[in-house]
N, C-alpha and C. Protein backbone atom coordinates (compact mmCIF):
# COMPACT_ATOMS: atom_id res chain seq x y z
N MET A 1 0.83 -1.19 0.00
CA MET A 1 0.00 0.00 0.00
C MET A 1 0.87 1.26 0.00
N PHE A 2 1.84 1.30 0.90
CA PHE A 2 2.75 2.44 0.99
C PHE A 2 4.15 1.95 0.71
N PHE A 3 4.98 2.83 0.19
CA PHE A 3 6.36 2.47 -0.08
C PHE A 3 7.22 2.69 1.15
N ASN A 4 8.21 1.84 1.30
CA ASN A 4 9.23 1.99 2.33
C ASN A 4 8.70 1.96 3.76
N ILE A 5 7.65 1.19 4.00
CA ILE A 5 7.23 1.02 5.38
C ILE A 5 7.25 -0.47 5.72
N LYS A 6 7.44 -0.74 6.99
CA LYS A 6 7.41 -2.12 7.46
C LYS A 6 5.99 -2.42 7.91
N GLU A 7 5.54 -3.63 7.62
CA GLU A 7 4.20 -4.03 8.05
C GLU A 7 4.29 -5.31 8.86
N ILE A 8 3.30 -5.47 9.71
CA ILE A 8 3.17 -6.65 10.54
C ILE A 8 1.71 -7.08 10.43
N ASP A 9 1.45 -8.38 10.43
CA ASP A 9 0.05 -8.80 10.38
C ASP A 9 -0.43 -9.15 11.79
N ALA A 10 -1.71 -9.43 11.90
CA ALA A 10 -2.33 -9.66 13.21
C ALA A 10 -1.70 -10.84 13.94
N LYS A 11 -1.41 -11.91 13.23
CA LYS A 11 -0.83 -13.09 13.88
C LYS A 11 0.57 -12.80 14.40
N GLU A 12 1.35 -12.04 13.65
CA GLU A 12 2.69 -11.69 14.10
C GLU A 12 2.62 -10.76 15.32
N LEU A 13 1.69 -9.80 15.29
CA LEU A 13 1.53 -8.91 16.43
C LEU A 13 1.11 -9.69 17.68
N ALA A 14 0.21 -10.63 17.52
CA ALA A 14 -0.20 -11.46 18.66
C ALA A 14 1.00 -12.23 19.21
N SER A 15 1.85 -12.71 18.34
CA SER A 15 3.06 -13.42 18.77
C SER A 15 3.99 -12.48 19.54
N TRP A 16 4.15 -11.25 19.04
CA TRP A 16 4.97 -10.27 19.75
C TRP A 16 4.41 -10.03 21.15
N LYS A 17 3.08 -9.91 21.25
CA LYS A 17 2.45 -9.63 22.53
C LYS A 17 2.66 -10.76 23.53
N GLU A 18 2.76 -11.99 23.05
CA GLU A 18 2.98 -13.14 23.92
C GLU A 18 4.43 -13.26 24.38
N ASP A 19 5.35 -12.62 23.67
CA ASP A 19 6.78 -12.69 23.97
C ASP A 19 7.15 -11.61 24.98
N SER A 20 7.28 -12.00 26.24
CA SER A 20 7.53 -11.01 27.30
C SER A 20 8.88 -10.31 27.15
N SER A 21 9.78 -10.86 26.36
CA SER A 21 11.09 -10.22 26.17
C SER A 21 11.04 -9.15 25.07
N LYS A 22 9.97 -9.13 24.29
CA LYS A 22 9.84 -8.19 23.18
C LYS A 22 9.35 -6.85 23.71
N GLN A 23 10.12 -5.80 23.49
CA GLN A 23 9.78 -4.46 23.95
C GLN A 23 9.27 -3.64 22.76
N PHE A 24 8.02 -3.21 22.81
CA PHE A 24 7.44 -2.40 21.75
C PHE A 24 6.19 -1.72 22.28
N ARG A 25 5.74 -0.73 21.54
CA ARG A 25 4.50 -0.02 21.86
C ARG A 25 3.51 -0.24 20.72
N ILE A 26 2.24 -0.16 21.06
CA ILE A 26 1.18 -0.16 20.06
C ILE A 26 0.47 1.17 20.22
N ILE A 27 0.36 1.92 19.13
CA ILE A 27 -0.30 3.22 19.16
C ILE A 27 -1.48 3.19 18.19
N ASP A 28 -2.65 3.49 18.73
CA ASP A 28 -3.90 3.50 17.97
C ASP A 28 -4.15 4.93 17.50
N VAL A 29 -4.14 5.15 16.19
CA VAL A 29 -4.30 6.51 15.64
C VAL A 29 -5.73 6.83 15.23
N ARG A 30 -6.68 5.95 15.60
CA ARG A 30 -8.08 6.24 15.29
C ARG A 30 -8.57 7.37 16.18
N GLU A 31 -9.70 7.92 15.82
CA GLU A 31 -10.29 9.01 16.60
C GLU A 31 -10.96 8.46 17.86
N PRO A 32 -11.15 9.31 18.89
CA PRO A 32 -11.68 8.83 20.18
C PRO A 32 -12.97 8.03 20.08
N MET A 33 -13.89 8.42 19.21
CA MET A 33 -15.16 7.68 19.09
C MET A 33 -14.92 6.27 18.58
N GLU A 34 -13.94 6.10 17.70
CA GLU A 34 -13.62 4.77 17.20
C GLU A 34 -12.93 3.93 18.28
N ILE A 35 -11.99 4.56 18.97
CA ILE A 35 -11.23 3.86 20.00
C ILE A 35 -12.15 3.42 21.13
N ALA A 36 -13.16 4.23 21.44
CA ALA A 36 -14.10 3.91 22.52
C ALA A 36 -14.84 2.60 22.27
N GLN A 37 -14.94 2.19 21.03
CA GLN A 37 -15.62 0.94 20.70
C GLN A 37 -14.77 -0.28 21.02
N GLY A 38 -13.49 -0.05 21.28
CA GLY A 38 -12.57 -1.13 21.62
C GLY A 38 -11.30 -1.02 20.83
N SER A 39 -10.25 -1.58 21.40
CA SER A 39 -8.94 -1.54 20.75
C SER A 39 -8.17 -2.79 21.12
N ILE A 40 -7.00 -2.91 20.57
CA ILE A 40 -6.12 -4.02 20.90
C ILE A 40 -5.60 -3.80 22.32
N PRO A 41 -5.68 -4.79 23.18
CA PRO A 41 -5.21 -4.62 24.56
C PRO A 41 -3.78 -4.07 24.60
N GLY A 42 -3.60 -3.05 25.42
CA GLY A 42 -2.28 -2.44 25.57
C GLY A 42 -2.00 -1.30 24.62
N ALA A 43 -2.89 -1.07 23.65
CA ALA A 43 -2.68 0.01 22.70
C ALA A 43 -2.87 1.36 23.37
N GLU A 44 -2.04 2.31 23.00
CA GLU A 44 -2.13 3.67 23.52
C GLU A 44 -2.90 4.53 22.52
N PRO A 45 -3.92 5.23 22.97
CA PRO A 45 -4.64 6.11 22.04
C PRO A 45 -3.81 7.36 21.72
N MET A 46 -3.66 7.64 20.44
CA MET A 46 -2.98 8.84 19.97
C MET A 46 -3.60 9.21 18.61
N PRO A 47 -4.80 9.79 18.65
CA PRO A 47 -5.53 10.06 17.41
C PRO A 47 -4.68 10.82 16.38
N LEU A 48 -4.86 10.44 15.13
CA LEU A 48 -4.12 11.05 14.04
C LEU A 48 -4.24 12.57 14.07
N SER A 49 -5.41 13.08 14.45
CA SER A 49 -5.62 14.53 14.48
C SER A 49 -4.76 15.23 15.52
N THR A 50 -4.22 14.48 16.48
CA THR A 50 -3.36 15.09 17.52
C THR A 50 -1.93 14.57 17.47
N LEU A 51 -1.63 13.74 16.49
CA LEU A 51 -0.32 13.09 16.44
C LEU A 51 0.83 14.09 16.43
N GLY A 52 0.68 15.17 15.69
CA GLY A 52 1.74 16.17 15.62
C GLY A 52 2.15 16.71 16.98
N GLU A 53 1.19 16.81 17.87
CA GLU A 53 1.46 17.30 19.23
C GLU A 53 2.21 16.27 20.07
N HIS A 54 2.18 15.01 19.66
CA HIS A 54 2.74 13.93 20.48
C HIS A 54 3.97 13.26 19.87
N LEU A 55 4.44 13.75 18.74
CA LEU A 55 5.58 13.10 18.10
C LEU A 55 6.81 13.03 19.00
N GLY A 56 6.99 14.02 19.85
CA GLY A 56 8.12 14.02 20.77
C GLY A 56 8.07 12.90 21.79
N GLU A 57 6.91 12.27 21.93
CA GLU A 57 6.75 11.17 22.88
C GLU A 57 7.15 9.82 22.29
N ILE A 58 7.53 9.83 21.01
CA ILE A 58 7.90 8.59 20.32
C ILE A 58 9.39 8.66 20.03
N GLY A 59 10.14 7.75 20.63
CA GLY A 59 11.59 7.72 20.42
C GLY A 59 11.94 7.09 19.08
N GLN A 60 12.92 7.66 18.40
CA GLN A 60 13.31 7.12 17.10
C GLN A 60 13.89 5.72 17.19
N ASP A 61 14.35 5.32 18.38
CA ASP A 61 14.92 3.99 18.53
C ASP A 61 13.91 2.97 19.06
N GLU A 62 12.68 3.40 19.36
CA GLU A 62 11.64 2.50 19.86
C GLU A 62 11.01 1.71 18.72
N GLU A 63 10.61 0.46 19.04
CA GLU A 63 9.78 -0.29 18.10
C GLU A 63 8.34 0.07 18.41
N VAL A 64 7.62 0.52 17.38
CA VAL A 64 6.24 0.96 17.56
C VAL A 64 5.38 0.38 16.44
N VAL A 65 4.26 -0.22 16.83
CA VAL A 65 3.27 -0.69 15.86
C VAL A 65 2.12 0.29 15.88
N PHE A 66 1.82 0.87 14.73
CA PHE A 66 0.70 1.80 14.61
C PHE A 66 -0.50 1.05 14.05
N ILE A 67 -1.67 1.34 14.64
CA ILE A 67 -2.89 0.67 14.22
C ILE A 67 -3.99 1.70 13.93
N CYS A 68 -4.90 1.31 13.06
CA CYS A 68 -6.12 2.07 12.80
C CYS A 68 -7.19 1.07 12.39
N ARG A 69 -8.24 1.51 11.79
CA ARG A 69 -9.34 0.62 11.43
C ARG A 69 -8.90 -0.40 10.37
N SER A 70 -8.28 0.07 9.27
CA SER A 70 -7.97 -0.82 8.16
C SER A 70 -6.48 -0.88 7.80
N GLY A 71 -5.69 -0.02 8.38
CA GLY A 71 -4.26 0.03 8.05
C GLY A 71 -3.89 1.20 7.16
N ALA A 72 -4.88 1.97 6.70
CA ALA A 72 -4.60 3.10 5.81
C ALA A 72 -4.00 4.29 6.56
N ARG A 73 -4.68 4.73 7.61
CA ARG A 73 -4.17 5.88 8.37
C ARG A 73 -2.85 5.55 9.05
N SER A 74 -2.78 4.37 9.66
CA SER A 74 -1.54 3.99 10.33
C SER A 74 -0.41 3.83 9.31
N GLY A 75 -0.73 3.43 8.10
CA GLY A 75 0.28 3.35 7.03
C GLY A 75 0.81 4.72 6.68
N GLN A 76 -0.07 5.71 6.65
CA GLN A 76 0.36 7.09 6.39
C GLN A 76 1.31 7.56 7.48
N VAL A 77 0.98 7.25 8.73
CA VAL A 77 1.82 7.65 9.85
C VAL A 77 3.19 7.00 9.71
N CYS A 78 3.22 5.70 9.43
CA CYS A 78 4.49 4.99 9.29
C CYS A 78 5.32 5.55 8.14
N SER A 79 4.67 5.85 7.04
CA SER A 79 5.37 6.43 5.90
C SER A 79 5.99 7.77 6.27
N TYR A 80 5.23 8.61 6.93
CA TYR A 80 5.73 9.92 7.37
C TYR A 80 6.91 9.77 8.32
N LEU A 81 6.76 8.91 9.31
CA LEU A 81 7.83 8.73 10.29
C LEU A 81 9.07 8.13 9.66
N ALA A 82 8.89 7.17 8.76
CA ALA A 82 10.04 6.56 8.07
C ALA A 82 10.80 7.61 7.27
N GLN A 83 10.08 8.53 6.65
CA GLN A 83 10.72 9.61 5.89
C GLN A 83 11.46 10.58 6.80
N ASN A 84 11.14 10.54 8.10
CA ASN A 84 11.75 11.45 9.06
C ASN A 84 12.67 10.73 10.04
N GLY A 85 13.24 9.62 9.61
CA GLY A 85 14.30 8.97 10.36
C GLY A 85 13.90 7.88 11.34
N PHE A 86 12.62 7.55 11.43
CA PHE A 86 12.18 6.48 12.32
C PHE A 86 12.34 5.14 11.58
N GLU A 87 13.17 4.27 12.12
CA GLU A 87 13.46 3.01 11.44
C GLU A 87 12.70 1.82 11.99
N HIS A 88 12.06 1.96 13.15
CA HIS A 88 11.45 0.82 13.81
C HIS A 88 9.94 0.99 13.99
N VAL A 89 9.29 1.53 12.97
CA VAL A 89 7.84 1.69 13.02
C VAL A 89 7.19 0.68 12.07
N TYR A 90 6.08 0.12 12.52
CA TYR A 90 5.39 -0.92 11.78
C TYR A 90 3.91 -0.56 11.66
N ASN A 91 3.36 -0.86 10.51
CA ASN A 91 1.94 -0.70 10.26
C ASN A 91 1.26 -2.05 10.45
N LEU A 92 0.15 -2.08 11.20
CA LEU A 92 -0.62 -3.31 11.32
C LEU A 92 -1.43 -3.47 10.04
N ARG A 93 -1.01 -4.40 9.20
CA ARG A 93 -1.70 -4.66 7.93
C ARG A 93 -3.12 -5.13 8.22
N GLY A 94 -4.10 -4.46 7.64
CA GLY A 94 -5.50 -4.81 7.86
C GLY A 94 -6.11 -4.16 9.08
N GLY A 95 -5.30 -3.48 9.88
CA GLY A 95 -5.78 -2.74 11.04
C GLY A 95 -6.54 -3.60 12.04
N VAL A 96 -7.40 -2.94 12.82
CA VAL A 96 -8.16 -3.67 13.82
C VAL A 96 -9.20 -4.59 13.17
N LEU A 97 -9.57 -4.30 11.94
CA LEU A 97 -10.46 -5.22 11.23
C LEU A 97 -9.77 -6.56 11.02
N GLY A 98 -8.51 -6.52 10.61
CA GLY A 98 -7.73 -7.75 10.45
C GLY A 98 -7.51 -8.47 11.77
N TRP A 99 -7.29 -7.68 12.82
CA TRP A 99 -7.12 -8.23 14.17
C TRP A 99 -8.39 -9.01 14.55
N ALA A 100 -9.55 -8.39 14.34
CA ALA A 100 -10.83 -9.02 14.69
C ALA A 100 -11.10 -10.24 13.82
N GLN A 101 -10.78 -10.16 12.53
CA GLN A 101 -11.01 -11.28 11.63
C GLN A 101 -10.20 -12.51 12.03
N ASN A 102 -9.10 -12.28 12.73
CA ASN A 102 -8.28 -13.39 13.20
C ASN A 102 -8.71 -13.87 14.59
N GLY A 103 -9.76 -13.28 15.14
CA GLY A 103 -10.34 -13.73 16.39
C GLY A 103 -9.61 -13.28 17.65
N PHE A 104 -8.77 -12.25 17.53
CA PHE A 104 -8.03 -11.79 18.69
C PHE A 104 -8.85 -10.84 19.55
N GLU A 105 -8.47 -10.76 20.81
CA GLU A 105 -9.20 -10.01 21.84
C GLU A 105 -9.16 -8.50 21.62
N PHE A 106 -10.30 -7.88 21.99
CA PHE A 106 -10.41 -6.42 22.02
C PHE A 106 -10.58 -5.99 23.46
N ALA A 107 -10.10 -4.81 23.78
CA ALA A 107 -10.28 -4.25 25.12
C ALA A 107 -11.14 -3.01 25.00
N LYS A 108 -12.07 -2.87 25.92
CA LYS A 108 -12.87 -1.64 25.97
C LYS A 108 -12.00 -0.52 26.53
N VAL A 109 -12.09 0.62 25.91
CA VAL A 109 -11.33 1.79 26.35
C VAL A 109 -12.30 2.76 26.97
N LEU A 110 -11.99 3.23 28.17
CA LEU A 110 -12.90 4.15 28.87
C LEU A 110 -12.64 5.57 28.50
C-alpha cells in the first residue's frame, strides 16, 4: 500500500504480545469515538488529528506498531515517520479489522 514502510500482520503482532522479552509499543491513531468501541489490549490512544502534538513522545529507537481501522491511516503515519528517520515503526496490515477477523481479543477503552 505504501512504499518503504514495514508491516506486521495480526498473527505476528499477537506473537509479539505473547513474547515477554519483546519491547514495543502499540499506538492507535483512530479518533476517540472509534477507540471507545474497543482496541487491541495495551494500545495507547494517539488520534491522528493530535499526532503532531505527540511526536516528541515517540523515540526514534523505539519499536512501535501503529494501528487504525484498516491500516490506511496507520500506514500514512508509518510512511511519514520513516521519511523522518524512524526506522522501527510498523503498520498493522489490515488494522483492527484484520485483528478481529483473526479472532483476537479487544479491550474496551474508557
